[in-house]
Amino acid sequence: MNVMNAPRLTIPNAMQQVDNDGKLTLKTSYPYLDKQANAFIDFVQRRIK
């Protein structure tokens, strides 16, 4: 049985990545979050084929 850790997306230093309206911009964290999300999608896709 293949097991993957529970997917979780953490945003380090989130309060330092907000715009003037207080909305999260993810300028620094986006590439890291994108890699995490893509790894999870790839993992799932390999198991449903």
Protein backbone atom coordinates (compact mmCIF):
# COMPACT_ATOMS: atom_id res chain seq x y z
CA MET A 1 0.00 0.00 0.00
CA ASN A 2 1.35 3.40 -0.96
CA VAL A 3 1.07 6.06 1.69
CA MET A 4 1.65 9.79 1.50
CA ASN A 5 1.71 12.17 4.40
CA ALA A 6 -1.49 14.10 4.90
CA PRO A 7 -1.38 17.01 2.48
CA ARG A 8 -0.87 20.27 4.25
CA LEU A 9 0.07 23.61 2.89
CA THR A 10 1.94 25.73 5.35
CA ILE A 11 2.69 29.35 4.63
CA PRO A 12 5.81 30.48 6.44
CA ASN A 13 5.96 34.16 7.36
CA ALA A 14 2.41 34.69 6.13
CA MET A 15 1.99 38.02 7.87
CA GLN A 16 4.97 39.35 5.92
CA GLN A 17 3.31 38.43 2.61
CA VAL A 18 0.22 40.62 2.72
CA ASP A 19 -0.66 43.61 0.58
CA ASN A 20 -1.95 46.97 1.79
CA ASP A 21 -5.46 45.52 2.15
CA GLY A 22 -4.22 42.66 4.33
CA LYS A 23 -4.73 40.06 1.60
CA LEU A 24 -2.18 37.28 1.25
CA THR A 25 -0.03 37.73 -1.87
CA LEU A 26 2.24 34.64 -1.59
CA LYS A 27 5.12 36.31 -3.44
CA THR A 28 7.74 34.36 -1.49
CA SER A 29 5.82 31.16 -0.70
CA TYR A 30 4.08 30.55 -4.03
CA PRO A 31 6.80 28.38 -5.65
CA TYR A 32 7.01 26.21 -2.52
CA LEU A 33 3.23 25.82 -2.28
CA ASP A 34 2.98 25.08 -5.99
CA LYS A 35 5.54 22.25 -5.66
CA GLN A 36 3.65 20.77 -2.69
CA ALA A 37 0.32 20.85 -4.52
CA ASN A 38 1.79 19.36 -7.69
CA ALA A 39 3.50 16.57 -5.75
CA PHE A 40 0.19 15.63 -4.14
CA ILE A 41 -1.67 15.68 -7.48
CA ASP A 42 1.05 13.53 -9.09
CA PHE A 43 0.88 11.07 -6.20
CA VAL A 44 -2.90 10.71 -6.53
CA GLN A 45 -2.81 10.44 -10.32
CA ARG A 46 -0.28 7.60 -10.20
CA ARG A 47 -2.56 5.65 -7.85
CA ILE A 48 -5.78 5.98 -9.88
CA LYS A 49 -4.39 4.68 -13.18
